[in-house]
Amino acid sequence: MLMACDQSVRGFAIACAPTFWAGDWSKVVTARTDGGLVKRGDEKGRRLRMQRLFLWVDGQIAEHNPNAVGFESYAYGSGADLDVVELVGAIKLHCWRWQKETETIQQSSARKLVAGPALKVPRKGEDAKILMAQILQAHGAPKCLSLDESDALVVLNAMLIAHGGQPLVPTSNR
């Protein structure tokens, strides 16, 4: 089982699938938190929000028991939210404690794997997220995905390829 995480101040999302899911979308699981890291509030409020998100991700790891957990890479020099960076670091430490392999996936490269070489993918922003959701849905993903869940599926697709599994978007169908 592989698990991919999409993390942002808006909220966290995960996507899980067995390495050899055989194109059966019923074996692919996605979930999203109901809130993110709001920058308002005092230190106590910040700690409580971070703890809530940590416990949510921890619960997802416990429920799905992945062999590997992948995280989208952040451009740390470009103003990435430090709360998100700290939280991902804590989650990675937790994964290592439970002997889960962790991987960092470059989102722009992962999006190119979904889109294929002929399609121009916006580097970032809502347009890129919408395009990825449309491509994934055209290949069987649920129509009710949030954009965060779609981003988690993009990371999962890259992980499936790296682990020798069947990608969510077959290269022959692009």
N, C-alpha and C. Protein backbone atom coordinates (compact mmCIF):
# COMPACT_ATOMS: atom_id res chain seq x y z
N MET A 1 0.85 -1.18 0.00
CA MET A 1 0.00 0.00 0.00
C MET A 1 0.89 1.23 0.00
N LEU A 2 0.55 2.18 -0.83
CA LEU A 2 1.25 3.46 -0.89
C LEU A 2 0.28 4.57 -0.46
N MET A 3 0.82 5.59 0.20
CA MET A 3 0.01 6.73 0.61
C MET A 3 0.72 8.00 0.16
N ALA A 4 -0.03 8.89 -0.45
CA ALA A 4 0.51 10.18 -0.88
C ALA A 4 -0.22 11.29 -0.13
N CYS A 5 0.52 12.32 0.25
CA CYS A 5 -0.06 13.45 0.98
C CYS A 5 0.07 14.73 0.19
N ASP A 6 -0.99 15.50 0.20
CA ASP A 6 -0.96 16.87 -0.31
C ASP A 6 -1.15 17.74 0.92
N GLN A 7 -0.23 18.66 1.13
CA GLN A 7 -0.30 19.48 2.33
C GLN A 7 -0.25 20.96 1.95
N SER A 8 -1.14 21.71 2.58
CA SER A 8 -1.16 23.15 2.37
C SER A 8 -1.84 23.79 3.57
N VAL A 9 -1.82 25.12 3.61
CA VAL A 9 -2.49 25.81 4.71
C VAL A 9 -4.00 25.65 4.61
N ARG A 10 -4.53 25.31 3.42
CA ARG A 10 -5.97 25.09 3.26
C ARG A 10 -6.42 23.79 3.90
N GLY A 11 -5.54 22.81 3.92
CA GLY A 11 -5.89 21.51 4.46
C GLY A 11 -4.98 20.43 3.90
N PHE A 12 -5.07 19.27 4.48
CA PHE A 12 -4.28 18.13 4.04
C PHE A 12 -5.22 17.15 3.34
N ALA A 13 -4.66 16.43 2.37
CA ALA A 13 -5.40 15.38 1.69
C ALA A 13 -4.47 14.19 1.52
N ILE A 14 -5.05 13.01 1.48
CA ILE A 14 -4.27 11.80 1.23
C ILE A 14 -4.91 11.02 0.10
N ALA A 15 -4.09 10.19 -0.54
CA ALA A 15 -4.57 9.22 -1.52
C ALA A 15 -3.79 7.95 -1.28
N CYS A 16 -4.48 6.80 -1.27
CA CYS A 16 -3.85 5.50 -1.03
C CYS A 16 -4.28 4.52 -2.10
N ALA A 17 -3.35 3.63 -2.43
CA ALA A 17 -3.67 2.53 -3.34
C ALA A 17 -2.64 1.43 -3.17
N PRO A 18 -3.05 0.19 -3.40
CA PRO A 18 -2.06 -0.88 -3.45
C PRO A 18 -1.18 -0.67 -4.68
N THR A 19 0.06 -1.09 -4.61
CA THR A 19 0.97 -0.92 -5.75
C THR A 19 0.37 -1.55 -7.01
N PHE A 20 -0.24 -2.68 -6.86
CA PHE A 20 -0.84 -3.37 -8.01
C PHE A 20 -2.36 -3.33 -7.88
N TRP A 21 -2.90 -2.17 -8.14
CA TRP A 21 -4.34 -1.91 -7.98
C TRP A 21 -5.15 -2.34 -9.19
N ALA A 22 -4.49 -2.72 -10.27
CA ALA A 22 -5.11 -3.32 -11.47
C ALA A 22 -6.20 -2.45 -12.09
N GLY A 23 -6.07 -1.14 -11.98
CA GLY A 23 -7.03 -0.25 -12.62
C GLY A 23 -8.40 -0.19 -11.95
N ASP A 24 -8.52 -0.77 -10.78
CA ASP A 24 -9.80 -0.80 -10.06
C ASP A 24 -9.86 0.40 -9.11
N TRP A 25 -10.56 1.46 -9.53
CA TRP A 25 -10.62 2.70 -8.76
C TRP A 25 -11.28 2.51 -7.40
N SER A 26 -12.01 1.40 -7.20
CA SER A 26 -12.59 1.16 -5.88
C SER A 26 -11.51 0.83 -4.84
N LYS A 27 -10.31 0.48 -5.30
CA LYS A 27 -9.19 0.21 -4.40
C LYS A 27 -8.40 1.48 -4.05
N VAL A 28 -8.73 2.58 -4.70
CA VAL A 28 -8.05 3.86 -4.46
C VAL A 28 -8.88 4.66 -3.47
N VAL A 29 -8.24 5.12 -2.42
CA VAL A 29 -8.93 5.85 -1.36
C VAL A 29 -8.39 7.28 -1.32
N THR A 30 -9.27 8.24 -1.19
CA THR A 30 -8.85 9.63 -0.95
C THR A 30 -9.62 10.17 0.25
N ALA A 31 -9.00 11.12 0.92
CA ALA A 31 -9.66 11.79 2.05
C ALA A 31 -9.03 13.17 2.21
N ARG A 32 -9.79 14.07 2.81
CA ARG A 32 -9.32 15.43 3.02
C ARG A 32 -9.75 15.91 4.40
N THR A 33 -8.88 16.70 5.04
CA THR A 33 -9.26 17.30 6.31
C THR A 33 -10.35 18.33 6.08
N ASP A 34 -11.03 18.68 7.14
CA ASP A 34 -12.09 19.68 7.01
C ASP A 34 -11.61 21.10 7.29
N GLY A 35 -10.33 21.28 7.42
CA GLY A 35 -9.80 22.62 7.64
C GLY A 35 -8.29 22.61 7.63
N GLY A 36 -7.73 23.76 7.54
CA GLY A 36 -6.29 23.86 7.44
C GLY A 36 -5.67 24.62 8.59
N LEU A 37 -4.51 25.16 8.30
CA LEU A 37 -3.76 25.93 9.28
C LEU A 37 -4.06 27.40 9.08
N VAL A 38 -5.00 27.90 9.82
CA VAL A 38 -5.34 29.32 9.72
C VAL A 38 -4.25 30.12 10.42
N LYS A 39 -3.80 31.19 9.80
CA LYS A 39 -2.68 31.95 10.35
C LYS A 39 -3.09 32.90 11.48
N ARG A 40 -4.38 33.00 11.76
CA ARG A 40 -4.83 33.87 12.84
C ARG A 40 -4.68 33.15 14.18
N GLY A 41 -4.67 33.92 15.21
CA GLY A 41 -4.70 33.33 16.53
C GLY A 41 -3.37 33.36 17.24
N ASP A 42 -3.42 32.93 18.46
CA ASP A 42 -2.23 32.93 19.29
C ASP A 42 -1.47 31.60 19.14
N GLU A 43 -0.39 31.49 19.87
CA GLU A 43 0.45 30.29 19.80
C GLU A 43 -0.31 29.03 20.22
N LYS A 44 -1.17 29.15 21.21
CA LYS A 44 -1.95 27.99 21.65
C LYS A 44 -2.87 27.51 20.53
N GLY A 45 -3.51 28.45 19.85
CA GLY A 45 -4.38 28.08 18.73
C GLY A 45 -3.61 27.41 17.60
N ARG A 46 -2.43 27.93 17.32
CA ARG A 46 -1.57 27.35 16.28
C ARG A 46 -1.20 25.91 16.65
N ARG A 47 -0.80 25.70 17.89
CA ARG A 47 -0.42 24.36 18.34
C ARG A 47 -1.60 23.40 18.24
N LEU A 48 -2.79 23.86 18.62
CA LEU A 48 -3.96 23.00 18.55
C LEU A 48 -4.30 22.62 17.11
N ARG A 49 -4.20 23.58 16.18
CA ARG A 49 -4.48 23.28 14.78
C ARG A 49 -3.45 22.30 14.23
N MET A 50 -2.16 22.51 14.56
CA MET A 50 -1.12 21.60 14.08
C MET A 50 -1.32 20.20 14.66
N GLN A 51 -1.69 20.14 15.95
CA GLN A 51 -1.92 18.84 16.57
C GLN A 51 -3.10 18.12 15.90
N ARG A 52 -4.17 18.87 15.60
CA ARG A 52 -5.34 18.27 14.94
C ARG A 52 -4.96 17.68 13.59
N LEU A 53 -4.19 18.42 12.80
CA LEU A 53 -3.79 17.91 11.49
C LEU A 53 -2.85 16.72 11.62
N PHE A 54 -1.92 16.78 12.57
CA PHE A 54 -1.00 15.67 12.80
C PHE A 54 -1.78 14.41 13.14
N LEU A 55 -2.72 14.53 14.06
CA LEU A 55 -3.51 13.37 14.49
C LEU A 55 -4.37 12.83 13.35
N TRP A 56 -4.86 13.72 12.46
CA TRP A 56 -5.63 13.27 11.31
C TRP A 56 -4.76 12.42 10.39
N VAL A 57 -3.57 12.94 10.05
CA VAL A 57 -2.67 12.19 9.16
C VAL A 57 -2.25 10.89 9.84
N ASP A 58 -1.94 10.94 11.13
CA ASP A 58 -1.57 9.75 11.88
C ASP A 58 -2.69 8.70 11.82
N GLY A 59 -3.92 9.15 11.95
CA GLY A 59 -5.05 8.23 11.85
C GLY A 59 -5.17 7.60 10.48
N GLN A 60 -4.88 8.38 9.43
CA GLN A 60 -4.92 7.84 8.07
C GLN A 60 -3.83 6.79 7.87
N ILE A 61 -2.65 7.06 8.42
CA ILE A 61 -1.54 6.09 8.32
C ILE A 61 -1.91 4.81 9.07
N ALA A 62 -2.49 4.94 10.26
CA ALA A 62 -2.89 3.77 11.04
C ALA A 62 -3.98 2.97 10.31
N GLU A 63 -4.92 3.68 9.71
CA GLU A 63 -6.03 3.00 9.03
C GLU A 63 -5.58 2.25 7.77
N HIS A 64 -4.71 2.87 6.97
CA HIS A 64 -4.35 2.30 5.67
C HIS A 64 -3.04 1.51 5.69
N ASN A 65 -2.23 1.69 6.74
CA ASN A 65 -0.98 0.95 6.92
C ASN A 65 -0.11 0.89 5.66
N PRO A 66 0.28 2.04 5.14
CA PRO A 66 1.10 2.03 3.91
C PRO A 66 2.53 1.58 4.19
N ASN A 67 3.18 1.03 3.17
CA ASN A 67 4.61 0.72 3.24
C ASN A 67 5.43 1.99 3.07
N ALA A 68 4.91 2.90 2.25
CA ALA A 68 5.61 4.15 1.96
C ALA A 68 4.61 5.30 1.97
N VAL A 69 5.08 6.45 2.45
CA VAL A 69 4.27 7.67 2.48
C VAL A 69 5.02 8.73 1.70
N GLY A 70 4.36 9.31 0.71
CA GLY A 70 4.99 10.34 -0.13
C GLY A 70 4.41 11.70 0.16
N PHE A 71 5.28 12.69 0.10
CA PHE A 71 4.90 14.08 0.34
C PHE A 71 5.31 14.92 -0.85
N GLU A 72 4.47 15.88 -1.20
CA GLU A 72 4.88 16.77 -2.28
C GLU A 72 6.01 17.66 -1.78
N SER A 73 6.92 17.96 -2.67
CA SER A 73 8.07 18.80 -2.33
C SER A 73 7.64 20.26 -2.27
N TYR A 74 8.30 20.99 -1.41
CA TYR A 74 8.06 22.42 -1.32
C TYR A 74 9.28 23.18 -1.81
N ALA A 75 9.04 24.32 -2.43
CA ALA A 75 10.13 25.23 -2.79
C ALA A 75 10.40 26.07 -1.56
N TYR A 76 11.27 25.57 -0.68
CA TYR A 76 11.47 26.19 0.62
C TYR A 76 11.92 27.65 0.52
N GLY A 77 12.65 27.99 -0.52
CA GLY A 77 13.13 29.36 -0.66
C GLY A 77 12.09 30.32 -1.19
N SER A 78 10.92 29.80 -1.58
CA SER A 78 9.93 30.68 -2.21
C SER A 78 8.77 31.02 -1.29
N GLY A 79 9.01 31.01 0.00
CA GLY A 79 7.98 31.44 0.94
C GLY A 79 7.01 30.36 1.35
N ALA A 80 7.43 29.11 1.35
CA ALA A 80 6.55 28.04 1.81
C ALA A 80 6.14 28.34 3.25
N ASP A 81 4.92 28.00 3.59
CA ASP A 81 4.42 28.25 4.93
C ASP A 81 5.19 27.39 5.93
N LEU A 82 5.82 28.03 6.90
CA LEU A 82 6.67 27.30 7.84
C LEU A 82 5.89 26.35 8.73
N ASP A 83 4.64 26.65 9.04
CA ASP A 83 3.84 25.72 9.82
C ASP A 83 3.66 24.40 9.07
N VAL A 84 3.41 24.48 7.78
CA VAL A 84 3.25 23.27 6.97
C VAL A 84 4.56 22.49 6.93
N VAL A 85 5.67 23.19 6.74
CA VAL A 85 6.98 22.55 6.69
C VAL A 85 7.26 21.84 8.02
N GLU A 86 7.02 22.51 9.13
CA GLU A 86 7.23 21.90 10.45
C GLU A 86 6.35 20.68 10.63
N LEU A 87 5.10 20.77 10.23
CA LEU A 87 4.17 19.68 10.41
C LEU A 87 4.58 18.46 9.57
N VAL A 88 4.99 18.69 8.33
CA VAL A 88 5.44 17.58 7.49
C VAL A 88 6.68 16.93 8.10
N GLY A 89 7.57 17.73 8.65
CA GLY A 89 8.75 17.17 9.31
C GLY A 89 8.36 16.28 10.48
N ALA A 90 7.40 16.71 11.27
CA ALA A 90 6.94 15.90 12.40
C ALA A 90 6.28 14.61 11.92
N ILE A 91 5.51 14.69 10.85
CA ILE A 91 4.87 13.49 10.31
C ILE A 91 5.91 12.52 9.77
N LYS A 92 6.94 13.04 9.10
CA LYS A 92 8.01 12.17 8.60
C LYS A 92 8.72 11.47 9.75
N LEU A 93 9.03 12.19 10.81
CA LEU A 93 9.67 11.56 11.96
C LEU A 93 8.79 10.45 12.53
N HIS A 94 7.50 10.71 12.59
CA HIS A 94 6.56 9.70 13.07
C HIS A 94 6.55 8.48 12.15
N CYS A 95 6.57 8.70 10.85
CA CYS A 95 6.62 7.60 9.89
C CYS A 95 7.88 6.76 10.09
N TRP A 96 9.01 7.41 10.28
CA TRP A 96 10.27 6.69 10.47
C TRP A 96 10.23 5.87 11.75
N ARG A 97 9.61 6.43 12.77
CA ARG A 97 9.50 5.71 14.04
C ARG A 97 8.73 4.40 13.83
N TRP A 98 7.74 4.42 12.97
CA TRP A 98 6.94 3.23 12.68
C TRP A 98 7.46 2.48 11.46
N GLN A 99 8.69 2.79 11.04
CA GLN A 99 9.38 2.10 9.94
C GLN A 99 8.63 2.17 8.62
N LYS A 100 8.06 3.34 8.36
CA LYS A 100 7.43 3.60 7.07
C LYS A 100 8.43 4.37 6.21
N GLU A 101 8.60 3.94 5.01
CA GLU A 101 9.46 4.65 4.07
C GLU A 101 8.79 5.99 3.73
N THR A 102 9.58 7.04 3.63
CA THR A 102 9.03 8.33 3.20
C THR A 102 9.71 8.76 1.91
N GLU A 103 8.97 9.45 1.09
CA GLU A 103 9.47 9.93 -0.20
C GLU A 103 9.02 11.37 -0.39
N THR A 104 9.85 12.13 -1.07
CA THR A 104 9.49 13.49 -1.44
C THR A 104 9.35 13.53 -2.96
N ILE A 105 8.21 13.97 -3.42
CA ILE A 105 7.89 13.96 -4.85
C ILE A 105 7.80 15.41 -5.34
N GLN A 106 8.49 15.71 -6.42
CA GLN A 106 8.43 17.03 -7.04
C GLN A 106 7.10 17.14 -7.78
N GLN A 107 6.23 18.02 -7.33
CA GLN A 107 4.87 18.10 -7.87
C GLN A 107 4.87 18.43 -9.36
N SER A 108 5.75 19.33 -9.81
CA SER A 108 5.75 19.69 -11.23
C SER A 108 6.11 18.49 -12.10
N SER A 109 7.06 17.68 -11.66
CA SER A 109 7.43 16.46 -12.40
C SER A 109 6.30 15.44 -12.36
N ALA A 110 5.66 15.32 -11.20
CA ALA A 110 4.54 14.38 -11.07
C ALA A 110 3.38 14.78 -11.98
N ARG A 111 3.14 16.08 -12.11
CA ARG A 111 2.07 16.55 -13.00
C ARG A 111 2.38 16.21 -14.45
N LYS A 112 3.64 16.29 -14.84
CA LYS A 112 4.02 15.94 -16.22
C LYS A 112 3.78 14.45 -16.48
N LEU A 113 3.97 13.61 -15.46
CA LEU A 113 3.69 12.18 -15.62
C LEU A 113 2.21 11.94 -15.87
N VAL A 114 1.35 12.73 -15.25
CA VAL A 114 -0.10 12.60 -15.46
C VAL A 114 -0.50 13.15 -16.82
N ALA A 115 0.04 14.30 -17.18
CA ALA A 115 -0.39 14.99 -18.40
C ALA A 115 0.23 14.41 -19.67
N GLY A 116 1.41 13.84 -19.56
CA GLY A 116 2.10 13.35 -20.74
C GLY A 116 2.90 14.45 -21.39
N PRO A 117 3.75 14.08 -22.34
CA PRO A 117 4.68 15.05 -22.93
C PRO A 117 4.04 16.09 -23.85
N ALA A 118 2.88 15.79 -24.40
CA ALA A 118 2.29 16.70 -25.39
C ALA A 118 1.50 17.85 -24.77
N LEU A 119 1.11 17.72 -23.52
CA LEU A 119 0.24 18.72 -22.89
C LEU A 119 1.05 19.68 -22.05
N LYS A 120 0.86 20.97 -22.26
CA LYS A 120 1.54 22.00 -21.47
C LYS A 120 0.81 22.15 -20.14
N VAL A 121 1.55 21.96 -19.05
CA VAL A 121 0.96 22.03 -17.71
C VAL A 121 1.40 23.34 -17.05
N PRO A 122 0.45 24.13 -16.55
CA PRO A 122 0.85 25.33 -15.80
C PRO A 122 1.74 24.92 -14.62
N ARG A 123 2.72 25.73 -14.28
CA ARG A 123 3.67 25.38 -13.22
C ARG A 123 3.02 25.30 -11.84
N LYS A 124 2.05 26.16 -11.58
CA LYS A 124 1.41 26.13 -10.27
C LYS A 124 0.06 26.83 -10.34
N GLY A 125 -0.66 26.81 -9.23
CA GLY A 125 -1.93 27.53 -9.16
C GLY A 125 -3.13 26.66 -9.46
N GLU A 126 -4.27 27.29 -9.42
CA GLU A 126 -5.55 26.60 -9.61
C GLU A 126 -5.67 25.97 -10.99
N ASP A 127 -5.13 26.62 -12.03
CA ASP A 127 -5.23 26.07 -13.38
C ASP A 127 -4.58 24.69 -13.46
N ALA A 128 -3.41 24.54 -12.83
CA ALA A 128 -2.72 23.25 -12.83
C ALA A 128 -3.54 22.21 -12.07
N LYS A 129 -4.10 22.60 -10.93
CA LYS A 129 -4.90 21.68 -10.13
C LYS A 129 -6.15 21.22 -10.89
N ILE A 130 -6.82 22.15 -11.54
CA ILE A 130 -8.03 21.82 -12.30
C ILE A 130 -7.71 20.89 -13.46
N LEU A 131 -6.63 21.16 -14.18
CA LEU A 131 -6.22 20.31 -15.29
C LEU A 131 -5.93 18.89 -14.81
N MET A 132 -5.23 18.77 -13.69
CA MET A 132 -4.91 17.43 -13.16
C MET A 132 -6.19 16.70 -12.77
N ALA A 133 -7.13 17.39 -12.12
CA ALA A 133 -8.40 16.76 -11.74
C ALA A 133 -9.14 16.27 -12.98
N GLN A 134 -9.16 17.06 -14.03
CA GLN A 134 -9.86 16.68 -15.26
C GLN A 134 -9.23 15.44 -15.89
N ILE A 135 -7.90 15.40 -15.94
CA ILE A 135 -7.22 14.23 -16.53
C ILE A 135 -7.48 12.99 -15.69
N LEU A 136 -7.35 13.11 -14.38
CA LEU A 136 -7.60 11.96 -13.50
C LEU A 136 -9.03 11.46 -13.63
N GLN A 137 -9.99 12.38 -13.68
CA GLN A 137 -11.39 11.99 -13.80
C GLN A 137 -11.67 11.34 -15.15
N ALA A 138 -10.98 11.78 -16.19
CA ALA A 138 -11.13 11.16 -17.51
C ALA A 138 -10.63 9.72 -17.51
N HIS A 139 -9.80 9.38 -16.52
CA HIS A 139 -9.27 8.01 -16.42
C HIS A 139 -9.90 7.22 -15.27
N GLY A 140 -11.03 7.71 -14.76
CA GLY A 140 -11.80 6.93 -13.81
C GLY A 140 -11.86 7.44 -12.39
N ALA A 141 -11.11 8.48 -12.06
CA ALA A 141 -11.16 9.02 -10.69
C ALA A 141 -12.55 9.58 -10.41
N PRO A 142 -12.98 9.55 -9.16
CA PRO A 142 -14.31 10.08 -8.82
C PRO A 142 -14.46 11.55 -9.22
N LYS A 143 -15.65 11.91 -9.63
CA LYS A 143 -15.93 13.29 -10.05
C LYS A 143 -15.99 14.25 -8.88
N CYS A 144 -16.14 13.75 -7.67
CA CYS A 144 -16.32 14.61 -6.50
C CYS A 144 -15.01 14.93 -5.78
N LEU A 145 -13.89 14.71 -6.42
CA LEU A 145 -12.60 14.99 -5.79
C LEU A 145 -12.43 16.48 -5.51
N SER A 146 -11.84 16.78 -4.36
CA SER A 146 -11.40 18.16 -4.13
C SER A 146 -10.09 18.35 -4.88
N LEU A 147 -9.69 19.59 -5.08
CA LEU A 147 -8.41 19.85 -5.76
C LEU A 147 -7.24 19.34 -4.93
N ASP A 148 -7.37 19.36 -3.61
CA ASP A 148 -6.31 18.82 -2.76
C ASP A 148 -6.21 17.30 -2.92
N GLU A 149 -7.34 16.61 -2.99
CA GLU A 149 -7.31 15.17 -3.21
C GLU A 149 -6.72 14.85 -4.58
N SER A 150 -7.04 15.68 -5.57
CA SER A 150 -6.47 15.50 -6.90
C SER A 150 -4.95 15.64 -6.85
N ASP A 151 -4.45 16.63 -6.12
CA ASP A 151 -3.00 16.79 -5.96
C ASP A 151 -2.37 15.57 -5.29
N ALA A 152 -3.06 15.00 -4.28
CA ALA A 152 -2.56 13.80 -3.63
C ALA A 152 -2.51 12.63 -4.62
N LEU A 153 -3.51 12.53 -5.51
CA LEU A 153 -3.50 11.48 -6.53
C LEU A 153 -2.34 11.66 -7.51
N VAL A 154 -1.99 12.89 -7.81
CA VAL A 154 -0.85 13.15 -8.70
C VAL A 154 0.43 12.62 -8.06
N VAL A 155 0.61 12.87 -6.77
CA VAL A 155 1.77 12.36 -6.05
C VAL A 155 1.72 10.83 -6.01
N LEU A 156 0.53 10.27 -5.75
CA LEU A 156 0.37 8.81 -5.72
C LEU A 156 0.73 8.19 -7.07
N ASN A 157 0.33 8.81 -8.15
CA ASN A 157 0.66 8.31 -9.49
C ASN A 157 2.17 8.19 -9.66
N ALA A 158 2.91 9.23 -9.25
CA ALA A 158 4.38 9.20 -9.35
C ALA A 158 4.95 8.08 -8.47
N MET A 159 4.39 7.90 -7.30
CA MET A 159 4.85 6.83 -6.41
C MET A 159 4.59 5.45 -7.01
N LEU A 160 3.41 5.26 -7.59
CA LEU A 160 3.09 3.99 -8.22
C LEU A 160 4.10 3.66 -9.32
N ILE A 161 4.43 4.64 -10.13
CA ILE A 161 5.41 4.43 -11.20
C ILE A 161 6.77 4.07 -10.60
N ALA A 162 7.19 4.81 -9.58
CA ALA A 162 8.50 4.58 -8.95
C ALA A 162 8.59 3.20 -8.29
N HIS A 163 7.45 2.68 -7.82
CA HIS A 163 7.43 1.38 -7.15
C HIS A 163 7.09 0.24 -8.09
N GLY A 164 7.04 0.51 -9.39
CA GLY A 164 6.78 -0.54 -10.38
C GLY A 164 5.34 -0.96 -10.49
N GLY A 165 4.45 -0.14 -9.98
CA GLY A 165 3.02 -0.45 -10.05
C GLY A 165 2.39 0.16 -11.29
N GLN A 166 1.10 -0.08 -11.42
CA GLN A 166 0.35 0.49 -12.54
C GLN A 166 -0.01 1.94 -12.22
N PRO A 167 0.34 2.89 -13.09
CA PRO A 167 -0.02 4.28 -12.82
C PRO A 167 -1.53 4.50 -12.90
N LEU A 168 -1.98 5.56 -12.24
CA LEU A 168 -3.40 5.92 -12.30
C LEU A 168 -3.81 6.36 -13.70
N VAL A 169 -2.86 6.99 -14.40
CA VAL A 169 -3.09 7.43 -15.78
C VAL A 169 -2.11 6.65 -16.66
N PRO A 170 -2.59 5.61 -17.35
CA PRO A 170 -1.68 4.81 -18.17
C PRO A 170 -1.01 5.64 -19.26
N THR A 171 0.26 5.41 -19.46
CA THR A 171 1.01 6.19 -20.46
C THR A 171 0.48 5.94 -21.86
N SER A 172 -0.09 4.77 -22.12
CA SER A 172 -0.61 4.49 -23.45
C SER A 172 -1.89 5.24 -23.75
N ASN A 173 -2.54 5.80 -22.74
CA ASN A 173 -3.83 6.50 -22.94
C ASN A 173 -3.69 8.00 -23.04
N ARG A 174 -2.48 8.53 -23.01
CA ARG A 174 -2.32 9.99 -23.05
C ARG A 174 -2.28 10.50 -24.44
